[in-house]
N, C-alpha and C. Protein backbone atom coordinates (compact mmCIF):
# COMPACT_ATOMS: atom_id res chain seq x y z
N UNK A 1 -310.09 81.27 -57.01
CA UNK A 1 -309.09 80.75 -56.11
C UNK A 1 -309.73 80.54 -54.74
N UNK A 2 -309.58 79.34 -54.20
CA UNK A 2 -310.14 78.99 -52.90
C UNK A 2 -309.44 79.75 -51.78
N UNK A 3 -310.23 80.37 -50.91
CA UNK A 3 -309.68 81.02 -49.72
C UNK A 3 -309.85 80.14 -48.49
N UNK A 4 -311.07 79.62 -48.32
CA UNK A 4 -311.28 78.70 -47.19
C UNK A 4 -312.50 77.83 -47.41
N UNK A 5 -312.52 76.73 -46.68
CA UNK A 5 -313.65 75.82 -46.66
C UNK A 5 -313.98 75.57 -45.20
N UNK A 6 -315.26 75.65 -44.86
CA UNK A 6 -315.70 75.47 -43.48
C UNK A 6 -316.68 74.30 -43.39
N UNK A 7 -316.60 73.58 -42.28
CA UNK A 7 -317.53 72.48 -42.04
C UNK A 7 -317.83 72.41 -40.54
N UNK A 8 -319.07 72.05 -40.22
CA UNK A 8 -319.47 71.93 -38.82
C UNK A 8 -320.49 70.81 -38.70
N UNK A 9 -320.35 70.00 -37.68
CA UNK A 9 -321.26 68.89 -37.37
C UNK A 9 -321.31 67.85 -38.49
N UNK A 10 -320.18 67.59 -39.09
CA UNK A 10 -320.09 66.57 -40.13
C UNK A 10 -319.05 65.54 -39.70
N UNK A 11 -319.47 64.31 -39.58
CA UNK A 11 -318.61 63.20 -39.16
C UNK A 11 -317.82 63.57 -37.91
N UNK A 12 -316.49 63.68 -37.98
CA UNK A 12 -315.69 63.94 -36.78
C UNK A 12 -315.60 65.42 -36.42
N UNK A 13 -316.19 66.31 -37.21
CA UNK A 13 -316.09 67.75 -36.96
C UNK A 13 -317.34 68.28 -36.28
N UNK A 14 -317.31 68.35 -34.94
CA UNK A 14 -318.44 68.88 -34.19
C UNK A 14 -318.41 70.40 -34.26
N UNK A 15 -317.28 70.97 -33.95
CA UNK A 15 -317.12 72.43 -33.95
C UNK A 15 -316.83 72.93 -35.35
N UNK A 16 -316.96 74.24 -35.54
CA UNK A 16 -316.64 74.87 -36.81
C UNK A 16 -315.16 74.62 -37.13
N UNK A 17 -314.89 73.97 -38.25
CA UNK A 17 -313.53 73.64 -38.67
C UNK A 17 -313.25 74.33 -39.98
N UNK A 18 -312.08 74.97 -40.08
CA UNK A 18 -311.75 75.75 -41.26
C UNK A 18 -310.47 75.22 -41.90
N UNK A 19 -310.56 74.94 -43.21
CA UNK A 19 -309.39 74.62 -44.02
C UNK A 19 -309.11 75.88 -44.83
N UNK A 20 -308.02 76.57 -44.53
CA UNK A 20 -307.74 77.85 -45.17
C UNK A 20 -306.55 77.78 -46.10
N UNK A 21 -306.64 78.53 -47.17
CA UNK A 21 -305.54 78.65 -48.12
C UNK A 21 -304.85 80.01 -47.99
N UNK A 22 -305.32 80.84 -47.08
CA UNK A 22 -304.69 82.14 -46.88
C UNK A 22 -303.36 81.94 -46.16
N UNK A 23 -302.34 82.65 -46.64
CA UNK A 23 -301.01 82.55 -46.03
C UNK A 23 -301.02 83.26 -44.68
N UNK A 24 -300.20 82.76 -43.77
CA UNK A 24 -300.05 83.40 -42.47
C UNK A 24 -299.48 84.81 -42.69
N UNK A 25 -299.86 85.78 -41.85
CA UNK A 25 -299.42 87.16 -42.05
C UNK A 25 -297.90 87.32 -42.12
N UNK A 26 -297.18 86.57 -41.35
CA UNK A 26 -295.72 86.70 -41.33
C UNK A 26 -295.02 85.58 -42.08
N UNK A 27 -295.71 84.97 -43.02
CA UNK A 27 -295.16 83.87 -43.80
C UNK A 27 -293.96 84.36 -44.62
N UNK A 28 -292.84 83.66 -44.51
CA UNK A 28 -291.65 84.04 -45.27
C UNK A 28 -291.09 82.81 -45.97
N UNK A 29 -290.47 83.03 -47.11
CA UNK A 29 -289.80 81.96 -47.82
C UNK A 29 -290.67 81.19 -48.79
N UNK A 30 -291.95 81.52 -48.85
CA UNK A 30 -292.84 80.83 -49.77
C UNK A 30 -293.40 81.77 -50.84
N UNK A 31 -292.75 82.90 -51.05
CA UNK A 31 -293.27 83.89 -51.99
C UNK A 31 -293.48 83.32 -53.39
N UNK A 32 -292.68 82.35 -53.78
CA UNK A 32 -292.80 81.75 -55.10
C UNK A 32 -294.11 80.98 -55.27
N UNK A 33 -294.74 80.57 -54.16
CA UNK A 33 -295.98 79.79 -54.26
C UNK A 33 -297.21 80.56 -53.78
N UNK A 34 -297.09 81.88 -53.68
CA UNK A 34 -298.21 82.70 -53.23
C UNK A 34 -298.83 83.47 -54.38
N UNK A 35 -300.13 83.59 -54.36
CA UNK A 35 -300.83 84.49 -55.27
C UNK A 35 -301.35 85.64 -54.43
N UNK A 36 -301.32 86.82 -54.99
CA UNK A 36 -301.77 88.00 -54.24
C UNK A 36 -302.96 88.63 -54.95
N UNK A 37 -303.99 88.95 -54.16
CA UNK A 37 -305.21 89.55 -54.69
C UNK A 37 -305.48 90.84 -53.94
N UNK A 38 -306.04 91.81 -54.63
CA UNK A 38 -306.46 93.06 -54.01
C UNK A 38 -307.98 93.12 -54.03
N UNK A 39 -308.55 93.23 -52.87
CA UNK A 39 -309.99 93.42 -52.74
C UNK A 39 -310.21 94.72 -51.99
N UNK A 40 -310.74 95.69 -52.69
CA UNK A 40 -310.87 97.05 -52.15
C UNK A 40 -309.49 97.53 -51.75
N UNK A 41 -309.25 97.76 -50.48
CA UNK A 41 -307.92 98.23 -50.04
C UNK A 41 -307.11 97.13 -49.35
N UNK A 42 -307.66 95.94 -49.34
CA UNK A 42 -307.02 94.83 -48.63
C UNK A 42 -306.26 93.93 -49.59
N UNK A 43 -305.03 93.55 -49.22
CA UNK A 43 -304.26 92.59 -49.99
C UNK A 43 -304.39 91.22 -49.33
N UNK A 44 -304.68 90.22 -50.14
CA UNK A 44 -304.83 88.86 -49.63
C UNK A 44 -303.78 87.99 -50.31
N UNK A 45 -302.97 87.30 -49.50
CA UNK A 45 -301.99 86.36 -50.03
C UNK A 45 -302.54 84.95 -49.84
N UNK A 46 -302.56 84.19 -50.95
CA UNK A 46 -303.17 82.87 -50.94
C UNK A 46 -302.15 81.84 -51.41
N UNK A 47 -302.12 80.70 -50.74
CA UNK A 47 -301.24 79.60 -51.14
C UNK A 47 -301.74 78.99 -52.45
N UNK A 48 -300.84 78.65 -53.33
CA UNK A 48 -301.22 78.02 -54.60
C UNK A 48 -301.58 76.55 -54.42
N UNK A 49 -301.01 75.92 -53.40
CA UNK A 49 -301.31 74.51 -53.13
C UNK A 49 -301.18 74.27 -51.63
N UNK A 50 -301.66 73.13 -51.20
CA UNK A 50 -301.61 72.79 -49.79
C UNK A 50 -301.55 71.29 -49.62
N UNK A 51 -301.11 70.85 -48.47
CA UNK A 51 -301.02 69.43 -48.14
C UNK A 51 -301.76 69.21 -46.83
N UNK A 52 -302.55 68.16 -46.79
CA UNK A 52 -303.23 67.78 -45.55
C UNK A 52 -302.50 66.57 -44.99
N UNK A 53 -302.00 66.71 -43.78
CA UNK A 53 -301.27 65.60 -43.16
C UNK A 53 -301.65 65.51 -41.70
N UNK A 54 -301.39 64.36 -41.11
CA UNK A 54 -301.67 64.17 -39.69
C UNK A 54 -301.74 62.70 -39.37
N UNK A 55 -301.88 62.38 -38.09
CA UNK A 55 -301.93 60.98 -37.68
C UNK A 55 -303.22 60.31 -38.16
N UNK A 56 -303.23 58.99 -38.09
CA UNK A 56 -304.43 58.23 -38.44
C UNK A 56 -305.60 58.69 -37.59
N UNK A 57 -306.78 58.69 -38.18
CA UNK A 57 -308.04 59.06 -37.51
C UNK A 57 -308.07 60.50 -37.03
N UNK A 58 -307.35 61.40 -37.72
CA UNK A 58 -307.36 62.80 -37.32
C UNK A 58 -308.33 63.64 -38.15
N UNK A 59 -308.97 63.05 -39.18
CA UNK A 59 -309.97 63.77 -39.95
C UNK A 59 -309.56 64.16 -41.35
N UNK A 60 -308.42 63.67 -41.83
CA UNK A 60 -307.95 64.02 -43.19
C UNK A 60 -308.97 63.60 -44.24
N UNK A 61 -309.43 62.37 -44.17
CA UNK A 61 -310.40 61.88 -45.15
C UNK A 61 -311.75 62.57 -44.97
N UNK A 62 -312.12 62.90 -43.74
CA UNK A 62 -313.40 63.55 -43.49
C UNK A 62 -313.46 64.96 -44.09
N UNK A 63 -312.35 65.70 -44.07
CA UNK A 63 -312.38 67.05 -44.67
C UNK A 63 -312.51 66.95 -46.19
N UNK A 64 -311.85 65.96 -46.79
CA UNK A 64 -311.98 65.75 -48.23
C UNK A 64 -313.41 65.29 -48.56
N UNK A 65 -313.96 64.40 -47.73
CA UNK A 65 -315.33 63.94 -47.91
C UNK A 65 -316.34 65.07 -47.78
N UNK A 66 -316.09 65.99 -46.84
CA UNK A 66 -316.98 67.14 -46.68
C UNK A 66 -316.93 68.03 -47.92
N UNK A 67 -315.73 68.26 -48.44
CA UNK A 67 -315.60 69.06 -49.66
C UNK A 67 -316.32 68.39 -50.83
N UNK A 68 -316.17 67.08 -50.94
CA UNK A 68 -316.80 66.34 -52.03
C UNK A 68 -318.32 66.36 -51.90
N UNK A 69 -318.84 66.19 -50.68
CA UNK A 69 -320.29 66.23 -50.46
C UNK A 69 -320.84 67.61 -50.80
N UNK A 70 -320.16 68.65 -50.35
CA UNK A 70 -320.60 70.02 -50.64
C UNK A 70 -320.60 70.28 -52.15
N UNK A 71 -319.53 69.86 -52.82
CA UNK A 71 -319.44 70.04 -54.27
C UNK A 71 -320.58 69.30 -54.97
N UNK A 72 -320.85 68.07 -54.53
CA UNK A 72 -321.91 67.27 -55.14
C UNK A 72 -323.27 67.93 -54.97
N UNK A 73 -323.55 68.45 -53.80
CA UNK A 73 -324.84 69.10 -53.54
C UNK A 73 -324.99 70.35 -54.39
N UNK A 74 -323.96 71.17 -54.45
CA UNK A 74 -324.03 72.42 -55.23
C UNK A 74 -324.18 72.12 -56.71
N UNK A 75 -323.41 71.17 -57.23
CA UNK A 75 -323.47 70.91 -58.67
C UNK A 75 -324.77 70.19 -59.07
N UNK A 76 -325.34 69.38 -58.17
CA UNK A 76 -326.59 68.67 -58.47
C UNK A 76 -327.82 69.51 -58.17
N UNK A 77 -327.70 70.38 -57.18
CA UNK A 77 -328.86 71.19 -56.80
C UNK A 77 -329.76 70.52 -55.78
N UNK A 78 -329.37 69.36 -55.26
CA UNK A 78 -330.16 68.69 -54.21
C UNK A 78 -329.24 67.78 -53.41
N UNK A 79 -329.79 67.21 -52.33
CA UNK A 79 -328.93 66.37 -51.47
C UNK A 79 -329.09 64.88 -51.75
N UNK A 80 -329.85 64.52 -52.78
CA UNK A 80 -330.00 63.11 -53.11
C UNK A 80 -328.81 62.61 -53.90
N UNK A 81 -328.54 61.32 -53.79
CA UNK A 81 -327.52 60.71 -54.64
C UNK A 81 -328.03 60.73 -56.07
N UNK A 82 -327.14 60.82 -57.03
CA UNK A 82 -327.52 60.85 -58.43
C UNK A 82 -328.15 59.51 -58.83
N UNK A 83 -329.09 59.56 -59.75
CA UNK A 83 -329.74 58.34 -60.24
C UNK A 83 -328.73 57.46 -60.99
N UNK A 84 -327.93 58.09 -61.82
CA UNK A 84 -326.91 57.36 -62.57
C UNK A 84 -325.55 57.93 -62.19
N UNK A 85 -324.63 57.05 -61.94
CA UNK A 85 -323.30 57.47 -61.54
C UNK A 85 -322.38 57.51 -62.76
N UNK A 86 -321.70 58.63 -62.95
CA UNK A 86 -320.81 58.74 -64.09
C UNK A 86 -319.35 58.79 -63.70
N UNK A 87 -319.09 58.78 -62.42
CA UNK A 87 -317.71 58.91 -61.95
C UNK A 87 -317.00 57.56 -61.97
N UNK A 88 -315.76 57.54 -62.42
CA UNK A 88 -315.02 56.28 -62.39
C UNK A 88 -314.56 55.90 -60.98
N UNK A 89 -314.64 56.81 -60.04
CA UNK A 89 -314.20 56.56 -58.68
C UNK A 89 -315.40 56.12 -57.83
N UNK A 90 -315.48 54.84 -57.44
CA UNK A 90 -316.64 54.35 -56.67
C UNK A 90 -316.83 55.10 -55.35
N UNK A 91 -315.73 55.57 -54.74
CA UNK A 91 -315.84 56.26 -53.46
C UNK A 91 -316.57 57.59 -53.60
N UNK A 92 -316.48 58.22 -54.75
CA UNK A 92 -317.12 59.53 -54.93
C UNK A 92 -318.56 59.39 -55.44
N UNK A 93 -319.02 58.18 -55.71
CA UNK A 93 -320.38 57.99 -56.21
C UNK A 93 -321.42 58.11 -55.10
N UNK A 94 -321.03 57.88 -53.88
CA UNK A 94 -321.97 57.91 -52.77
C UNK A 94 -321.86 59.22 -52.01
N UNK A 95 -322.95 59.95 -51.91
CA UNK A 95 -322.99 61.18 -51.14
C UNK A 95 -323.26 60.81 -49.69
N UNK A 96 -322.34 61.14 -48.81
CA UNK A 96 -322.49 60.78 -47.40
C UNK A 96 -322.73 62.03 -46.57
N UNK A 97 -323.97 62.25 -46.17
CA UNK A 97 -324.28 63.34 -45.26
C UNK A 97 -324.42 62.74 -43.87
N UNK A 98 -323.33 62.55 -43.23
CA UNK A 98 -323.33 61.90 -41.92
C UNK A 98 -323.00 62.95 -40.86
N UNK A 99 -324.01 63.34 -40.07
CA UNK A 99 -323.72 64.30 -39.01
C UNK A 99 -322.93 63.65 -37.90
N UNK A 100 -322.31 64.47 -37.09
CA UNK A 100 -321.57 63.95 -35.95
C UNK A 100 -322.56 63.28 -35.01
N UNK A 101 -322.29 62.05 -34.61
CA UNK A 101 -323.25 61.30 -33.80
C UNK A 101 -322.98 61.33 -32.31
N UNK A 102 -322.07 62.19 -31.85
CA UNK A 102 -321.80 62.27 -30.42
C UNK A 102 -322.72 63.25 -29.71
N UNK A 103 -323.52 64.00 -30.47
CA UNK A 103 -324.40 64.99 -29.87
C UNK A 103 -325.70 64.34 -29.41
N UNK A 104 -326.26 64.83 -28.32
CA UNK A 104 -327.49 64.27 -27.76
C UNK A 104 -328.72 64.61 -28.59
N UNK A 105 -328.73 65.78 -29.22
CA UNK A 105 -329.86 66.19 -30.05
C UNK A 105 -329.35 66.59 -31.43
N UNK A 106 -330.20 66.51 -32.44
CA UNK A 106 -329.73 66.80 -33.81
C UNK A 106 -329.38 68.27 -34.02
N UNK A 107 -328.30 68.52 -34.70
CA UNK A 107 -327.87 69.86 -35.09
C UNK A 107 -327.62 69.83 -36.60
N UNK A 108 -327.79 70.95 -37.27
CA UNK A 108 -327.60 70.94 -38.72
C UNK A 108 -326.14 70.75 -39.12
N UNK A 109 -325.94 70.15 -40.28
CA UNK A 109 -324.62 70.04 -40.90
C UNK A 109 -324.40 71.34 -41.66
N UNK A 110 -323.23 71.94 -41.50
CA UNK A 110 -322.95 73.22 -42.13
C UNK A 110 -321.71 73.09 -43.02
N UNK A 111 -321.84 73.55 -44.26
CA UNK A 111 -320.72 73.63 -45.20
C UNK A 111 -320.61 75.09 -45.64
N UNK A 112 -319.40 75.57 -45.84
CA UNK A 112 -319.22 76.92 -46.35
C UNK A 112 -317.92 77.02 -47.13
N UNK A 113 -317.90 77.90 -48.10
CA UNK A 113 -316.70 78.09 -48.91
C UNK A 113 -316.58 79.58 -49.23
N UNK A 114 -315.35 80.07 -49.25
CA UNK A 114 -315.05 81.43 -49.65
C UNK A 114 -313.99 81.36 -50.73
N UNK A 115 -314.23 82.07 -51.83
CA UNK A 115 -313.24 82.07 -52.90
C UNK A 115 -313.28 83.40 -53.65
N UNK A 116 -312.25 83.63 -54.45
CA UNK A 116 -312.15 84.83 -55.27
C UNK A 116 -312.28 84.40 -56.72
N UNK A 117 -313.16 85.09 -57.44
CA UNK A 117 -313.34 84.84 -58.87
C UNK A 117 -313.51 86.18 -59.56
N UNK A 118 -312.66 86.47 -60.51
CA UNK A 118 -312.70 87.72 -61.27
C UNK A 118 -312.78 88.94 -60.34
N UNK A 119 -311.90 88.99 -59.37
CA UNK A 119 -311.79 90.08 -58.41
C UNK A 119 -313.04 90.28 -57.54
N UNK A 120 -313.87 89.24 -57.45
CA UNK A 120 -315.03 89.27 -56.56
C UNK A 120 -314.83 88.26 -55.44
N UNK A 121 -315.13 88.66 -54.23
CA UNK A 121 -315.09 87.76 -53.09
C UNK A 121 -316.46 87.10 -52.99
N UNK A 122 -316.50 85.77 -53.09
CA UNK A 122 -317.77 85.03 -53.09
C UNK A 122 -317.79 84.08 -51.90
N UNK A 123 -318.91 84.11 -51.17
CA UNK A 123 -319.09 83.22 -50.02
C UNK A 123 -320.39 82.44 -50.21
N UNK A 124 -320.29 81.13 -50.06
CA UNK A 124 -321.46 80.25 -50.08
C UNK A 124 -321.52 79.54 -48.74
N UNK A 125 -322.73 79.38 -48.23
CA UNK A 125 -322.91 78.57 -47.03
C UNK A 125 -324.17 77.74 -47.21
N UNK A 126 -324.08 76.50 -46.81
CA UNK A 126 -325.19 75.57 -46.92
C UNK A 126 -325.42 74.95 -45.55
N UNK A 127 -326.63 75.08 -45.03
CA UNK A 127 -327.00 74.50 -43.74
C UNK A 127 -328.06 73.44 -44.01
N UNK A 128 -327.76 72.20 -43.62
CA UNK A 128 -328.66 71.08 -43.87
C UNK A 128 -329.17 70.57 -42.53
N UNK A 129 -330.44 70.80 -42.28
CA UNK A 129 -331.05 70.34 -41.03
C UNK A 129 -331.70 69.00 -41.29
N UNK A 130 -331.01 67.93 -40.91
CA UNK A 130 -331.54 66.59 -41.11
C UNK A 130 -332.62 66.26 -40.09
N UNK A 131 -332.71 67.05 -39.03
CA UNK A 131 -333.78 66.98 -38.05
C UNK A 131 -334.10 65.59 -37.56
N UNK A 132 -335.35 65.16 -37.77
CA UNK A 132 -335.84 63.90 -37.22
C UNK A 132 -335.13 62.69 -37.80
N UNK A 133 -334.46 62.83 -38.92
CA UNK A 133 -333.77 61.70 -39.53
C UNK A 133 -332.77 61.07 -38.57
N UNK A 134 -332.23 61.86 -37.66
CA UNK A 134 -331.24 61.36 -36.72
C UNK A 134 -331.86 60.68 -35.50
N UNK A 135 -333.16 60.87 -35.28
CA UNK A 135 -333.81 60.30 -34.11
C UNK A 135 -334.03 58.80 -34.29
N UNK A 136 -333.87 58.04 -33.23
CA UNK A 136 -334.04 56.59 -33.29
C UNK A 136 -335.46 56.20 -33.67
N UNK A 137 -336.45 57.00 -33.27
CA UNK A 137 -337.85 56.65 -33.54
C UNK A 137 -338.28 56.99 -34.97
N UNK A 138 -337.43 57.68 -35.73
CA UNK A 138 -337.79 58.05 -37.10
C UNK A 138 -337.87 56.80 -37.98
N UNK A 139 -339.01 56.63 -38.66
CA UNK A 139 -339.19 55.46 -39.51
C UNK A 139 -338.48 55.67 -40.83
N UNK A 140 -337.48 54.84 -41.09
CA UNK A 140 -336.69 54.97 -42.31
C UNK A 140 -337.25 54.08 -43.40
N UNK A 141 -337.10 54.53 -44.64
CA UNK A 141 -337.51 53.74 -45.79
C UNK A 141 -336.28 53.09 -46.38
N UNK A 142 -336.33 51.78 -46.55
CA UNK A 142 -335.18 51.07 -47.10
C UNK A 142 -335.50 50.56 -48.47
């Protein structure tokens, strides 16, 4: 069960941004959609589902893109696009590692996820330092 997803320096997310599935401490009226987990002596209440909403250009698509890029990297084991695409969705065939371009110097793209599996709390974090790739003088291969 997903607890949270974190992203930093990816597209519109310069600062550490967290998409959390943990219920607010004083959440009331949603007990029917909460799952409860015990880790050591701590009880964690997690939402079964969530909705991302907001005005245009607020980052809704970017958070989904960050999750998809992170999933692609973890399942493939590298940051390259797959040689052969098997997905019926053309938008998910392209891995986009686009750092935020408003920064003066390159900073790493950071992805992280926390989830519970078989009563274990698991945290993954991936830091991708694209380094010189972002510099204008870097010679790119086309």
